[in-house]
């Protein structure tokens, strides 16, 4: 069964390694996806901007225009979901990817099942967004405004520049003000996959939200870590 009914999801896979690239192309094709594979950044950028892909799988290390540079240029004109693929332990690559607007990362090496689950999770989120997911209710005293259509928030007229994943996370926390939400809940509800202690996607999304809210001057509520539990969006004055 395809993740998005009546539509064959299209995926752009960007991987310069011929063995891994052929593997990704073949395995996702067997899962029923329409896969385009390219092996360099310049071609990837042209394809991503010229076609309506549902997901882009982006390798980081490529000669010439690397994956992070492609992502940065792509984000100037497109909100197509991007999953970056990086070597296990290359934390700086993942942080840089999230800073440039990546929606998720897939550590190498990965299995067919892991690849399939990550792609399906992104597609489910896209399907929900296209169906018109509601925005988070804004408290009367809270000047932070949620814009469901743009998948972003604003404060005093300035947009934060959130990614769709960051918007969903902040919306969920805002719907549960002052209530700590566990990482397991947030992974399932926001990222739509199970929680693993080695998966730092959620932590990185939280870090990016904090940075972006600070950049637009918003401080009425803070996104706090509740040690041993998860995260909470709470009033600035709380200890």
Protein backbone atom coordinates (compact mmCIF):
# COMPACT_ATOMS: atom_id res chain seq x y z
CA UNK A 1 0.00 0.00 0.00
CA UNK A 2 1.40 3.42 -0.97
CA UNK A 3 1.75 6.09 1.73
CA UNK A 4 -0.23 8.64 -0.31
CA UNK A 5 -3.45 7.25 -1.90
CA UNK A 6 -4.00 7.64 -5.64
CA UNK A 7 -0.56 9.09 -6.12
CA UNK A 8 2.76 7.39 -6.73
CA UNK A 9 5.24 9.27 -4.52
CA UNK A 10 8.21 10.65 -6.42
CA UNK A 11 11.64 10.65 -4.83
CA UNK A 12 14.87 12.29 -5.89
CA UNK A 13 17.83 10.29 -4.58
CA UNK A 14 21.14 12.15 -4.65
CA UNK A 15 24.09 9.83 -4.05
CA UNK A 16 27.45 9.86 -5.82
CA UNK A 17 28.47 6.38 -4.68
CA UNK A 18 27.38 4.10 -7.56
CA UNK A 19 26.81 1.05 -5.35
CA UNK A 20 24.74 2.83 -2.69
CA UNK A 21 22.94 4.93 -5.27
CA UNK A 22 21.90 1.86 -7.26
CA UNK A 23 20.82 0.16 -4.02
CA UNK A 24 18.60 3.08 -2.98
CA UNK A 25 17.13 3.39 -6.48
CA UNK A 26 16.34 -0.32 -6.72
CA UNK A 27 14.98 -0.80 -3.21
CA UNK A 28 12.71 2.25 -3.21
CA UNK A 29 11.52 1.27 -6.67
CA UNK A 30 10.53 -2.14 -5.34
CA UNK A 31 8.56 -0.40 -2.60
CA UNK A 32 6.44 1.28 -5.26
CA UNK A 33 8.04 4.71 -5.40
CA UNK A 34 8.92 6.64 -8.56
CA UNK A 35 12.66 7.20 -8.05
CA UNK A 36 15.03 9.51 -9.89
CA UNK A 37 18.70 9.01 -9.09
CA UNK A 38 21.47 11.50 -9.77
CA UNK A 39 25.10 11.57 -8.70
CA UNK A 40 26.15 15.21 -8.35
CA UNK A 41 24.97 18.40 -6.70
CA UNK A 42 24.49 20.55 -9.80
CA UNK A 43 22.18 18.01 -11.40
CA UNK A 44 20.38 17.47 -8.11
CA UNK A 45 19.63 21.19 -7.73
CA UNK A 46 18.36 21.47 -11.30
CA UNK A 47 16.13 18.41 -10.91
CA UNK A 48 14.79 19.46 -7.51
CA UNK A 49 13.88 22.94 -8.71
CA UNK A 50 12.45 21.76 -12.01
CA UNK A 51 10.26 18.92 -10.75
CA UNK A 52 7.65 18.42 -8.04
CA UNK A 53 9.26 15.66 -5.97
CA UNK A 54 7.61 14.49 -2.76
CA UNK A 55 10.93 13.79 -1.00
CA UNK A 56 14.61 14.43 -1.69
CA UNK A 57 17.21 12.05 -0.27
CA UNK A 58 20.43 14.06 -0.12
CA UNK A 59 23.94 12.73 0.39
CA UNK A 60 26.26 15.19 2.11
CA UNK A 61 29.71 14.36 0.76
CA UNK A 62 29.83 14.89 -3.00
CA UNK A 63 32.50 16.44 -5.22
CA UNK A 64 31.85 19.98 -6.42
CA UNK A 65 28.54 21.21 -5.03
CA UNK A 66 28.02 19.16 -1.87
CA UNK A 67 24.70 18.15 -0.34
CA UNK A 68 24.61 20.97 2.22
CA UNK A 69 25.22 23.58 -0.46
CA UNK A 70 22.45 22.06 -2.59
CA UNK A 71 20.10 22.09 0.39
CA UNK A 72 20.87 25.71 1.20
CA UNK A 73 20.16 26.83 -2.37
CA UNK A 74 17.08 24.62 -2.62
CA UNK A 75 15.57 26.14 0.53
CA UNK A 76 15.69 29.60 -1.05
CA UNK A 77 13.02 28.51 -3.53
CA UNK A 78 11.45 25.27 -2.36
CA UNK A 79 10.01 23.60 0.77
CA UNK A 80 10.25 20.06 -0.63
CA UNK A 81 11.04 17.73 2.31
CA UNK A 82 14.71 16.75 2.42
CA UNK A 83 16.26 13.80 4.24
CA UNK A 84 20.02 14.13 4.50
CA UNK A 85 22.15 10.99 4.48
CA UNK A 86 25.37 11.18 6.47
CA UNK A 87 27.91 8.82 7.95
CA UNK A 88 27.09 7.54 11.42
CA UNK A 89 28.72 9.84 13.96
CA UNK A 90 29.09 12.80 11.57
CA UNK A 91 27.19 15.05 13.98
CA UNK A 92 28.40 18.30 12.47
CA UNK A 93 26.98 17.27 9.08
CA UNK A 94 23.61 16.61 10.68
CA UNK A 95 23.60 19.88 12.63
CA UNK A 96 24.58 21.79 9.50
CA UNK A 97 21.83 19.98 7.59
CA UNK A 98 19.14 20.97 10.09
CA UNK A 99 20.40 24.56 10.12
CA UNK A 100 19.92 24.68 6.35
CA UNK A 101 16.39 23.30 6.55
CA UNK A 102 16.62 19.50 6.44
CA UNK A 103 13.54 17.65 7.70
CA UNK A 104 15.30 14.49 8.84
CA UNK A 105 18.60 12.66 8.62
CA UNK A 106 19.37 9.05 7.82
CA UNK A 107 22.65 7.77 9.30
CA UNK A 108 24.83 5.54 7.15
CA UNK A 109 24.91 2.62 6.96
CA UNK A 110 21.15 2.05 6.87
CA UNK A 111 18.87 -0.89 6.13
CA UNK A 112 16.12 -1.12 3.53
CA UNK A 113 13.52 -1.11 6.31
CA UNK A 114 14.97 2.03 7.92
CA UNK A 115 15.09 3.80 4.56
CA UNK A 116 11.49 2.84 3.80
CA UNK A 117 10.22 3.91 7.24
CA UNK A 118 11.91 7.33 7.06
CA UNK A 119 10.51 8.03 3.60
CA UNK A 120 7.02 6.89 4.56
CA UNK A 121 7.08 9.08 7.69
CA UNK A 122 7.86 12.14 5.57
CA UNK A 123 5.13 11.22 3.07
CA UNK A 124 2.54 10.83 5.82
CA UNK A 125 3.40 14.29 7.11
CA UNK A 126 3.14 15.76 3.61
CA UNK A 127 -0.24 14.10 3.14
CA UNK A 128 -1.50 15.59 6.42
CA UNK A 129 -0.26 19.04 5.43
CA UNK A 130 -1.93 18.84 2.02
CA UNK A 131 -5.11 17.85 3.78
CA UNK A 132 -5.00 21.11 5.74
CA UNK A 133 -3.75 20.32 9.21
CA UNK A 134 -5.01 22.89 11.72
CA UNK A 135 -2.74 25.49 13.21
CA UNK A 136 -2.00 25.57 16.90
CA UNK A 137 -4.31 27.80 18.93
CA UNK A 138 -2.59 30.98 20.01
CA UNK A 139 -3.21 32.14 23.55
CA UNK A 140 -4.61 35.69 23.68
CA UNK A 141 -1.65 36.91 25.71
CA UNK A 142 0.91 35.18 23.52
CA UNK A 143 2.06 37.30 20.56
CA UNK A 144 3.52 34.30 18.73
CA UNK A 145 1.36 33.62 15.68
CA UNK A 146 1.04 30.28 13.90
CA UNK A 147 0.51 30.20 10.13
CA UNK A 148 -0.63 26.74 9.03
CA UNK A 149 -0.54 27.54 5.32
CA UNK A 150 3.06 28.71 5.48
CA UNK A 151 4.07 26.13 8.09
CA UNK A 152 5.75 28.90 10.05
CA UNK A 153 5.34 31.20 13.04
CA UNK A 154 5.81 34.94 13.38
CA UNK A 155 6.47 37.43 16.14
CA UNK A 156 5.99 41.17 15.72
CA UNK A 157 5.68 40.63 11.96
CA UNK A 158 8.91 38.64 11.60
CA UNK A 159 8.74 35.06 10.33
CA UNK A 160 10.94 32.51 12.10
CA UNK A 161 11.69 30.45 8.99
CA UNK A 162 10.75 27.09 10.50
CA UNK A 163 10.90 23.87 8.51
CA UNK A 164 7.67 21.83 8.33
CA UNK A 165 9.02 19.43 10.96
CA UNK A 166 9.95 22.28 13.29
CA UNK A 167 6.51 23.84 12.80
CA UNK A 168 4.75 20.58 13.68
CA UNK A 169 6.90 20.17 16.79
CA UNK A 170 6.34 23.72 18.03
CA UNK A 171 2.60 23.48 17.25
CA UNK A 172 2.30 20.28 19.26
CA UNK A 173 4.13 21.77 22.24
CA UNK A 174 2.02 24.93 21.99
CA UNK A 175 -1.16 22.86 22.08
CA UNK A 176 0.09 21.38 25.37
CA UNK A 177 1.39 24.52 27.10
CA UNK A 178 3.08 23.88 30.45
CA UNK A 179 2.70 20.12 29.93
CA UNK A 180 5.95 18.14 29.54
CA UNK A 181 5.75 15.84 26.52
CA UNK A 182 7.94 12.76 26.35
CA UNK A 183 10.39 12.14 23.55
CA UNK A 184 8.56 8.90 22.73
CA UNK A 185 5.30 10.83 22.28
CA UNK A 186 6.91 13.54 20.18
CA UNK A 187 8.70 11.07 17.93
CA UNK A 188 5.46 9.21 17.31
CA UNK A 189 3.17 12.23 17.05
CA UNK A 190 5.47 14.67 15.23
CA UNK A 191 8.11 12.61 13.43
CA UNK A 192 5.78 9.59 13.09
CA UNK A 193 8.31 6.94 13.98
CA UNK A 194 9.46 5.14 17.09
CA UNK A 195 11.97 6.67 19.50
CA UNK A 196 15.54 5.40 19.66
CA UNK A 197 18.05 6.70 22.19
CA UNK A 198 20.64 7.00 19.40
CA UNK A 199 18.33 9.11 17.20
CA UNK A 200 18.98 12.81 17.84
CA UNK A 201 16.61 14.25 15.24
CA UNK A 202 14.22 15.60 17.86
CA UNK A 203 17.01 17.25 19.87
CA UNK A 204 18.29 18.97 16.76
CA UNK A 205 14.83 20.22 15.79
CA UNK A 206 14.43 21.64 19.31
CA UNK A 207 17.81 23.36 19.04
CA UNK A 208 16.84 24.94 15.73
CA UNK A 209 13.47 26.14 17.06
CA UNK A 210 15.17 27.79 20.03
CA UNK A 211 17.69 29.51 17.79
CA UNK A 212 15.05 30.75 15.34
CA UNK A 213 12.68 32.05 18.02
CA UNK A 214 15.55 33.89 19.67
CA UNK A 215 16.55 35.38 16.32
CA UNK A 216 13.12 37.04 15.91
CA UNK A 217 13.15 38.27 19.51
CA UNK A 218 10.45 35.98 20.92
CA UNK A 219 10.88 35.18 24.64
CA UNK A 220 7.36 35.04 26.09
CA UNK A 221 7.63 31.26 26.37
CA UNK A 222 10.70 29.03 26.33
CA UNK A 223 11.15 25.56 24.95
CA UNK A 224 12.61 23.81 27.97
CA UNK A 225 14.22 20.42 28.47
CA UNK A 226 12.62 18.32 31.22
CA UNK A 227 15.40 15.93 32.15
CA UNK A 228 14.34 12.31 32.03
CA UNK A 229 11.01 13.20 30.42
CA UNK A 230 11.16 15.31 27.29
CA UNK A 231 10.27 18.92 26.43
CA UNK A 232 7.79 21.58 27.50
CA UNK A 233 6.82 25.01 26.21
CA UNK A 234 6.46 27.13 29.34
CA UNK A 235 6.27 30.71 30.54
CA UNK A 236 9.56 32.62 30.54
CA UNK A 237 9.34 33.36 34.27
CA UNK A 238 9.20 29.74 35.35
CA UNK A 239 12.22 28.17 37.01
